[in-house]
C-alpha atoms as a PDB file:
ATOM      1  CA  MET A   1       2.294  33.029  12.349  1.00  0.00           C
ATOM      2  CA  TYR A   2       1.063  35.748  10.704  1.00  0.00           C
ATOM      3  CA  GLN A   3       2.954  37.659   8.027  1.00  0.00           C
ATOM      4  CA  ASP A   4       0.262  39.443   5.847  1.00  0.00           C
ATOM      5  CA  ILE A   5      -2.912  40.574   7.247  1.00  0.00           C
ATOM      6  CA  LEU A   6      -5.646  41.792   4.819  1.00  0.00           C
ATOM      7  CA  LEU A   7      -8.011  44.781   6.447  1.00  0.00           C
ATOM      8  CA  PRO A   8     -11.098  45.332   3.891  1.00  0.00           C
ATOM      9  CA  THR A   9     -12.914  48.419   4.704  1.00  0.00           C
ATOM     10  CA  ASP A  10     -15.763  50.402   3.461  1.00  0.00           C
ATOM     11  CA  GLY A  11     -15.394  53.485   5.644  1.00  0.00           C
ATOM     12  CA  SER A  12     -18.163  52.209   7.845  1.00  0.00           C
ATOM     13  CA  GLU A  13     -18.842  54.191  11.084  1.00  0.00           C
ATOM     14  CA  GLY A  14     -17.163  51.976  14.275  1.00  0.00           C
ATOM     15  CA  PHE A  15     -14.213  50.788  12.217  1.00  0.00           C
ATOM     16  CA  ALA A  16     -11.720  51.522  14.997  1.00  0.00           C
ATOM     17  CA  ALA A  17     -12.400  48.390  16.713  1.00  0.00           C
ATOM     18  CA  ALA A  18     -11.175  46.295  13.520  1.00  0.00           C
ATOM     19  CA  ALA A  19      -8.564  48.461  13.263  1.00  0.00           C
ATOM     20  CA  ASP A  20      -7.386  47.998  16.930  1.00  0.00           C
ATOM     21  CA  HIS A  21      -7.706  44.443  16.454  1.00  0.00           C
ATOM     22  CA  THR A  22      -5.585  44.418  13.396  1.00  0.00           C
ATOM     23  CA  ALA A  23      -2.779  46.650  14.935  1.00  0.00           C
ATOM     24  CA  ALA A  24      -2.411  44.404  17.613  1.00  0.00           C
ATOM     25  CA  VAL A  25      -2.034  41.330  15.401  1.00  0.00           C
ATOM     26  CA  ALA A  26       0.232  43.240  13.462  1.00  0.00           C
ATOM     27  CA  GLU A  27       2.335  44.458  16.428  1.00  0.00           C
ATOM     28  CA  ARG A  28       2.627  40.882  17.890  1.00  0.00           C
ATOM     29  CA  PHE A  29       3.955  39.158  14.855  1.00  0.00           C
ATOM     30  CA  ASP A  30       5.291  41.851  12.973  1.00  0.00           C
ATOM     31  CA  ALA A  31       2.854  41.344  10.026  1.00  0.00           C
ATOM     32  CA  THR A  32       2.152  43.941   6.975  1.00  0.00           C
ATOM     33  CA  VAL A  33      -1.187  45.182   7.037  1.00  0.00           C
ATOM     34  CA  HIS A  34      -3.098  45.254   3.613  1.00  0.00           C
ATOM     35  CA  VAL A  35      -5.647  47.768   3.757  1.00  0.00           C
ATOM     36  CA  LEU A  36      -8.214  47.215   1.149  1.00  0.00           C
ATOM     37  CA  SER A  37     -11.313  49.345  -0.024  1.00  0.00           C
ATOM     38  CA  VAL A  38     -13.614  47.934  -2.865  1.00  0.00           C
ATOM     39  CA  ALA A  39     -15.187  50.575  -5.224  1.00  0.00           C
ATOM     40  CA  ASP A  40     -18.456  48.930  -5.708  1.00  0.00           C
ATOM     41  CA  THR A  41     -19.529  48.442  -9.265  1.00  0.00           C
ATOM     42  CA  ARG A  42     -22.901  46.750  -8.834  1.00  0.00           C
ATOM     43  CA  ASN A  43     -24.782  49.631  -8.084  1.00  0.00           C
ATOM     44  CA  ARG A  44     -23.912  51.267 -11.601  1.00  0.00           C
ATOM     45  CA  PHE A  45     -26.991  52.917 -13.062  1.00  0.00           C
ATOM     46  CA  GLU A  46     -28.573  55.343 -15.559  1.00  0.00           C
ATOM     47  CA  SER A  47     -31.847  56.782 -15.704  1.00  0.00           C
ATOM     48  CA  PRO A  48     -33.738  60.081 -16.181  1.00  0.00           C
ATOM     49  CA  SER A  49     -34.619  60.450 -12.643  1.00  0.00           C
ATOM     50  CA  SER A  50     -31.208  59.867 -10.858  1.00  0.00           C
ATOM     51  CA  GLY A  51     -28.890  62.128 -12.657  1.00  0.00           C
ATOM     52  CA  LEU A  52     -26.186  59.870 -12.274  1.00  0.00           C
ATOM     53  CA  SER A  53     -24.314  58.341 -15.311  1.00  0.00           C
ATOM     54  CA  PRO A  54     -22.227  55.038 -14.719  1.00  0.00           C
ATOM     55  CA  GLU A  55     -18.955  57.133 -14.967  1.00  0.00           C
ATOM     56  CA  VAL A  56     -20.142  59.695 -12.314  1.00  0.00           C
ATOM     57  CA  TRP A  57     -21.106  56.630  -9.877  1.00  0.00           C
ATOM     58  CA  ASP A  58     -17.812  54.878 -10.635  1.00  0.00           C
ATOM     59  CA  GLU A  59     -15.729  58.312  -9.553  1.00  0.00           C
ATOM     60  CA  ALA A  60     -17.758  58.794  -6.481  1.00  0.00           C
ATOM     61  CA  GLU A  61     -17.318  54.909  -5.507  1.00  0.00           C
ATOM     62  CA  HIS A  62     -13.566  55.367  -6.321  1.00  0.00           C
ATOM     63  CA  GLU A  63     -13.490  58.463  -3.993  1.00  0.00           C
ATOM     64  CA  ARG A  64     -15.349  56.505  -1.115  1.00  0.00           C
ATOM     65  CA  ALA A  65     -12.965  53.894  -1.449  1.00  0.00           C
ATOM     66  CA  GLU A  66      -9.799  55.995  -1.479  1.00  0.00           C
ATOM     67  CA  ALA A  67     -11.045  57.958   1.661  1.00  0.00           C
ATOM     68  CA  ALA A  68     -11.847  54.589   3.405  1.00  0.00           C
ATOM     69  CA  VAL A  69      -8.377  53.338   3.079  1.00  0.00           C
ATOM     70  CA  GLU A  70      -6.777  56.828   4.231  1.00  0.00           C
ATOM     71  CA  ASP A  71      -8.800  56.539   7.243  1.00  0.00           C
ATOM     72  CA  ALA A  72      -8.116  53.001   7.758  1.00  0.00           C
ATOM     73  CA  VAL A  73      -4.160  53.779   7.375  1.00  0.00           C
ATOM     74  CA  ALA A  74      -4.685  56.805  10.072  1.00  0.00           C
ATOM     75  CA  ALA A  75      -6.517  54.480  12.577  1.00  0.00           C
ATOM     76  CA  LEU A  76      -3.294  51.897  12.712  1.00  0.00           C
ATOM     77  CA  PRO A  77      -0.143  52.836  14.552  1.00  0.00           C
ATOM     78  CA  ASP A  78       2.794  54.433  12.727  1.00  0.00           C
ATOM     79  CA  ASP A  79       4.947  51.494  13.607  1.00  0.00           C
ATOM     80  CA  VAL A  80       2.619  48.980  11.589  1.00  0.00           C
ATOM     81  CA  THR A  81       3.977  48.296   8.087  1.00  0.00           C
ATOM     82  CA  VAL A  82       0.894  49.188   5.637  1.00  0.00           C
ATOM     83  CA  GLU A  83       0.291  48.710   1.935  1.00  0.00           C
ATOM     84  CA  THR A  84      -2.924  50.267   0.376  1.00  0.00           C
ATOM     85  CA  HIS A  85      -5.268  48.792  -2.306  1.00  0.00           C
ATOM     86  CA  VAL A  86      -8.280  49.921  -3.853  1.00  0.00           C
ATOM     87  CA  ALA A  87     -10.270  47.428  -6.100  1.00  0.00           C
ATOM     88  CA  ASP A  88     -12.989  47.740  -8.147  1.00  0.00           C
ATOM     89  CA  GLY A  89     -16.184  45.202  -8.212  1.00  0.00           C
ATOM     90  CA  VAL A  90     -18.233  43.200  -6.198  1.00  0.00           C
ATOM     91  CA  PRO A  91     -16.599  43.407  -2.481  1.00  0.00           C
ATOM     92  CA  LYS A  92     -17.110  39.967  -1.472  1.00  0.00           C
ATOM     93  CA  THR A  93     -15.426  38.814  -4.584  1.00  0.00           C
ATOM     94  CA  ALA A  94     -12.495  41.537  -4.837  1.00  0.00           C
ATOM     95  CA  ILE A  95     -11.915  40.650  -1.085  1.00  0.00           C
ATOM     96  CA  LEU A  96     -11.683  36.974  -1.622  1.00  0.00           C
ATOM     97  CA  ASP A  97      -9.579  37.741  -5.011  1.00  0.00           C
ATOM     98  CA  ALA A  98      -7.249  39.712  -2.717  1.00  0.00           C
ATOM     99  CA  ILE A  99      -6.625  37.102  -0.162  1.00  0.00           C
ATOM    100  CA  GLU A 100      -5.218  35.122  -3.183  1.00  0.00           C
ATOM    101  CA  ASP A 101      -3.357  37.891  -5.234  1.00  0.00           C
ATOM    102  CA  LEU A 102      -1.815  39.239  -2.074  1.00  0.00           C
ATOM    103  CA  GLY A 103      -1.222  35.969  -0.294  1.00  0.00           C
ATOM    104  CA  VAL A 104      -2.441  36.873   2.838  1.00  0.00           C
ATOM    105  CA  ASP A 105      -2.705  34.485   5.662  1.00  0.00           C
ATOM    106  CA  LEU A 106      -5.293  36.222   7.979  1.00  0.00           C
ATOM    107  CA  VAL A 107      -8.155  38.421   7.373  1.00  0.00           C
ATOM    108  CA  ILE A 108      -9.741  41.066  10.024  1.00  0.00           C
ATOM    109  CA  MET A 109     -12.509  42.475   8.830  1.00  0.00           C
ATOM    110  CA  GLY A 110     -15.834  44.480  10.627  1.00  0.00           C
ATOM    111  CA  THR A 111     -19.276  43.369  10.789  1.00  0.00           C
ATOM    112  CA  HIS A 112     -22.581  45.321  11.780  1.00  0.00           C
ATOM    113  CA  GLY A 113     -24.215  42.139  13.353  1.00  0.00           C
ATOM    114  CA  ARG A 114     -27.369  42.621  11.457  1.00  0.00           C
ATOM    115  CA  THR A 115     -29.794  40.173  11.888  1.00  0.00           C
ATOM    116  CA  GLY A 116     -33.518  39.485  10.662  1.00  0.00           C
ATOM    117  CA  ILE A 117     -34.618  41.185   7.896  1.00  0.00           C
ATOM    118  CA  ASP A 118     -31.721  43.408   7.319  1.00  0.00           C
ATOM    119  CA  HIS A 119     -29.238  40.812   7.392  1.00  0.00           C
ATOM    120  CA  TYR A 120     -31.833  38.901   4.880  1.00  0.00           C
ATOM    121  CA  LEU A 121     -31.977  41.994   2.685  1.00  0.00           C
ATOM    122  CA  ILE A 122     -28.706  43.313   2.928  1.00  0.00           C
ATOM    123  CA  GLY A 123     -26.504  40.267   3.495  1.00  0.00           C
ATOM    124  CA  SER A 124     -23.365  39.844   4.745  1.00  0.00           C
ATOM    125  CA  VAL A 125     -19.932  40.608   2.883  1.00  0.00           C
ATOM    126  CA  ALA A 126     -17.947  39.525   6.075  1.00  0.00           C
ATOM    127  CA  GLU A 127     -20.292  36.136   6.274  1.00  0.00           C
ATOM    128  CA  LYS A 128     -19.543  35.379   2.478  1.00  0.00           C
ATOM    129  CA  VAL A 129     -16.078  35.942   3.106  1.00  0.00           C
ATOM    130  CA  VAL A 130     -15.837  33.668   6.060  1.00  0.00           C
ATOM    131  CA  ARG A 131     -17.458  31.075   4.249  1.00  0.00           C
ATOM    132  CA  LYS A 132     -15.295  31.151   1.190  1.00  0.00           C
ATOM    133  CA  SER A 133     -12.111  31.958   2.591  1.00  0.00           C
ATOM    134  CA  PRO A 134      -8.920  29.693   2.264  1.00  0.00           C
ATOM    135  CA  VAL A 135      -7.347  31.335   5.246  1.00  0.00           C
ATOM    136  CA  PRO A 136      -8.549  32.419   8.750  1.00  0.00           C
ATOM    137  CA  VAL A 137     -11.006  35.273   9.106  1.00  0.00           C
ATOM    138  CA  MET A 138     -11.372  37.417  12.147  1.00  0.00           C
ATOM    139  CA  THR A 139     -14.985  39.308  12.268  1.00  0.00           C
ATOM    140  CA  VAL A 140     -14.967  42.237  14.794  1.00  0.00           C
ATOM    141  CA  ARG A 141     -18.334  43.479  15.813  1.00  0.00           C
ATOM    142  CA  LEU A 142     -18.275  47.321  14.730  1.00  0.00           C
ATOM    143  CA  ASP A 143     -19.118  49.769  17.400  1.00  0.00           C
ATOM    144  CA  GLU A 144     -21.373  52.059  15.678  1.00  0.00           C
ATOM    145  CA  ASP A 145     -22.163  54.093  19.004  1.00  0.00           C
END
């Protein structure tokens, strides 16, 4: 039923819950897991008080994204076929682009379950992906304990 599964990650605490669900589905259907992390380019800034140039920000974001991919791969069982991807851009857009570009038929992603003002201010990448994805999206509440 599923041949290619997209597993987006930002390196959040509690990611193991999403990895566990992904592993179970991938093993059941002998699917390939595409682990994706996005180096977020929205927050590029340069100001005298920040001390960060856009280049330094981009490099730090790329390192964070690469580490998130490595951690996700380590959380998956060795018998699961994995391909890794790091993209630059806005996370929800990069995830939706990856769905099309990689031809995945399922997305499994973590959600923090924020509500109220936190949800309003921060938003939810998972919610945006669920609303626009052309394929099924399974959301897994991340265990942050």
